N, C-alpha and C. Protein backbone atom coordinates (compact mmCIF):
# COMPACT_ATOMS: atom_id res chain seq x y z
N MET A 1 47.91 100.32 -19.37
CA MET A 1 46.64 100.01 -19.91
C MET A 1 46.48 99.40 -21.43
N VAL A 2 45.96 98.30 -21.71
CA VAL A 2 45.87 98.11 -23.29
C VAL A 2 44.65 99.05 -23.83
N PRO A 3 45.28 99.73 -25.06
CA PRO A 3 44.39 100.95 -25.63
C PRO A 3 43.10 100.02 -25.92
N ALA A 4 42.78 98.78 -26.35
CA ALA A 4 41.82 98.21 -26.69
C ALA A 4 40.57 98.52 -25.52
N PHE A 5 41.10 98.33 -24.52
CA PHE A 5 40.09 98.45 -23.30
C PHE A 5 39.85 99.57 -22.80
N ALA A 6 40.45 100.42 -23.23
CA ALA A 6 40.14 101.92 -23.13
C ALA A 6 39.15 102.38 -23.85
N ALA A 7 39.42 102.06 -25.21
CA ALA A 7 38.22 102.33 -26.39
C ALA A 7 37.24 101.35 -26.09
N MET A 8 37.12 99.92 -25.64
CA MET A 8 35.73 99.30 -25.31
C MET A 8 34.95 100.24 -24.24
N ARG A 9 35.82 100.79 -23.06
CA ARG A 9 35.31 101.41 -22.16
C ARG A 9 34.59 102.60 -22.54
N ASN A 10 34.91 103.49 -23.77
CA ASN A 10 34.28 104.90 -24.16
C ASN A 10 33.18 104.25 -25.37
N THR A 11 32.73 102.98 -25.68
CA THR A 11 32.24 102.60 -26.64
C THR A 11 30.58 102.80 -26.02
N ALA A 12 29.65 102.72 -26.78
CA ALA A 12 27.95 102.58 -26.37
C ALA A 12 28.04 100.84 -25.50
N ALA A 13 26.83 100.90 -24.90
CA ALA A 13 26.78 99.64 -23.94
C ALA A 13 25.82 98.57 -24.90
N ASN A 14 25.63 99.06 -25.86
CA ASN A 14 24.83 98.05 -27.15
C ASN A 14 25.54 98.01 -28.25
N PRO A 15 26.46 96.90 -28.54
CA PRO A 15 27.31 96.52 -29.54
C PRO A 15 26.58 96.29 -30.86
N THR A 16 26.96 96.38 -32.06
CA THR A 16 26.31 95.87 -33.25
C THR A 16 25.84 94.41 -33.31
N ARG A 17 24.68 94.38 -33.34
CA ARG A 17 24.45 92.99 -33.76
C ARG A 17 24.43 92.41 -35.13
N ARG A 18 25.12 91.14 -34.98
CA ARG A 18 25.40 90.44 -36.39
C ARG A 18 24.71 88.83 -36.25
N LEU A 19 24.52 88.75 -37.57
CA LEU A 19 24.08 87.38 -37.90
C LEU A 19 24.76 86.67 -38.81
N GLY A 20 25.21 85.44 -38.57
CA GLY A 20 25.57 84.66 -39.95
C GLY A 20 24.73 83.42 -39.86
N VAL A 21 24.60 83.06 -41.32
CA VAL A 21 23.91 82.08 -41.70
C VAL A 21 24.49 81.33 -42.82
N VAL A 22 24.25 80.09 -42.76
CA VAL A 22 24.61 78.97 -44.00
C VAL A 22 23.52 78.23 -44.51
N TYR A 23 23.37 78.40 -45.63
CA TYR A 23 21.93 77.61 -46.05
C TYR A 23 22.45 76.57 -47.00
N VAL A 24 22.27 75.27 -46.80
CA VAL A 24 22.52 74.23 -47.46
C VAL A 24 21.56 73.73 -48.00
N PRO A 25 20.79 73.80 -49.45
CA PRO A 25 19.52 73.51 -49.44
C PRO A 25 19.21 71.90 -49.62
N ASN A 26 20.35 71.09 -49.89
CA ASN A 26 20.01 69.60 -50.18
C ASN A 26 20.70 68.90 -49.02
N GLY A 27 20.79 69.73 -47.94
CA GLY A 27 21.71 68.72 -46.72
C GLY A 27 23.07 68.77 -47.13
N MET A 28 23.84 68.20 -45.94
CA MET A 28 25.19 68.10 -46.14
C MET A 28 25.72 66.73 -45.45
N MET A 29 26.48 65.73 -45.79
CA MET A 29 26.84 64.58 -45.12
C MET A 29 28.15 65.09 -44.02
N MET A 30 27.82 65.47 -42.62
CA MET A 30 28.86 66.08 -41.96
C MET A 30 29.97 65.41 -41.54
N GLU A 31 30.05 64.12 -41.88
CA GLU A 31 31.36 63.20 -41.96
C GLU A 31 32.23 63.09 -42.97
N HIS A 32 31.72 64.16 -43.77
CA HIS A 32 32.75 64.36 -44.88
C HIS A 32 33.40 66.10 -44.61
N TRP A 33 32.50 66.58 -43.92
CA TRP A 33 33.35 68.21 -43.72
C TRP A 33 33.75 68.26 -42.21
N THR A 34 33.55 67.33 -41.13
CA THR A 34 34.29 67.54 -39.76
C THR A 34 35.34 66.59 -39.99
N PRO A 35 36.69 67.05 -39.02
CA PRO A 35 37.67 66.38 -39.04
C PRO A 35 37.41 64.97 -38.19
N ALA A 36 38.01 63.78 -38.05
CA ALA A 36 37.53 62.60 -37.37
C ALA A 36 38.23 62.84 -35.77
N THR A 37 39.42 63.75 -35.82
CA THR A 37 39.77 63.94 -34.56
C THR A 37 40.11 65.37 -34.30
N GLU A 38 40.23 65.86 -32.81
CA GLU A 38 40.58 67.08 -32.57
C GLU A 38 41.58 67.74 -32.11
N GLY A 39 42.02 68.79 -32.05
CA GLY A 39 42.99 69.43 -31.59
C GLY A 39 44.37 69.94 -32.76
N THR A 40 45.48 69.80 -32.72
CA THR A 40 46.47 70.63 -33.67
C THR A 40 46.49 69.33 -34.38
N GLY A 41 46.60 68.26 -34.10
CA GLY A 41 47.15 67.07 -35.18
C GLY A 41 46.20 66.51 -36.00
N PHE A 42 44.96 67.08 -36.29
CA PHE A 42 43.91 66.76 -37.06
C PHE A 42 44.36 66.54 -38.60
N GLU A 43 43.65 65.88 -39.38
CA GLU A 43 43.92 65.83 -40.71
C GLU A 43 42.51 66.18 -41.36
N PHE A 44 42.77 66.97 -42.38
CA PHE A 44 41.55 67.25 -43.17
C PHE A 44 40.93 66.48 -43.82
N PRO A 45 39.52 66.37 -43.98
CA PRO A 45 38.78 65.56 -44.60
C PRO A 45 38.79 65.63 -46.00
N THR A 46 38.72 64.63 -47.04
CA THR A 46 38.72 64.70 -48.26
C THR A 46 38.49 66.09 -49.21
N ILE A 47 37.12 66.32 -48.78
CA ILE A 47 36.77 67.68 -49.38
C ILE A 47 36.96 68.79 -48.77
N LEU A 48 37.94 68.68 -47.75
CA LEU A 48 38.51 70.24 -47.28
C LEU A 48 40.07 70.08 -47.67
N GLN A 49 40.57 69.12 -48.13
CA GLN A 49 42.10 69.02 -48.16
C GLN A 49 42.54 70.21 -49.40
N PRO A 50 41.94 70.73 -50.20
CA PRO A 50 42.32 71.93 -50.94
C PRO A 50 42.44 73.07 -50.16
N LEU A 51 41.96 73.37 -48.79
CA LEU A 51 42.14 74.31 -48.15
C LEU A 51 43.64 74.32 -47.45
């Protein structure tokens, strides 16, 4: 048995709630943030190339 499953079975039924929020006050041009293609062979847009 995988140890993670045993630990999950012994934890409370109510997991910790989490919230993630991104605030962009002046908007965002999504074509500059999302790659043109999907999958493993995509190329980063210019704004994300430093990553």
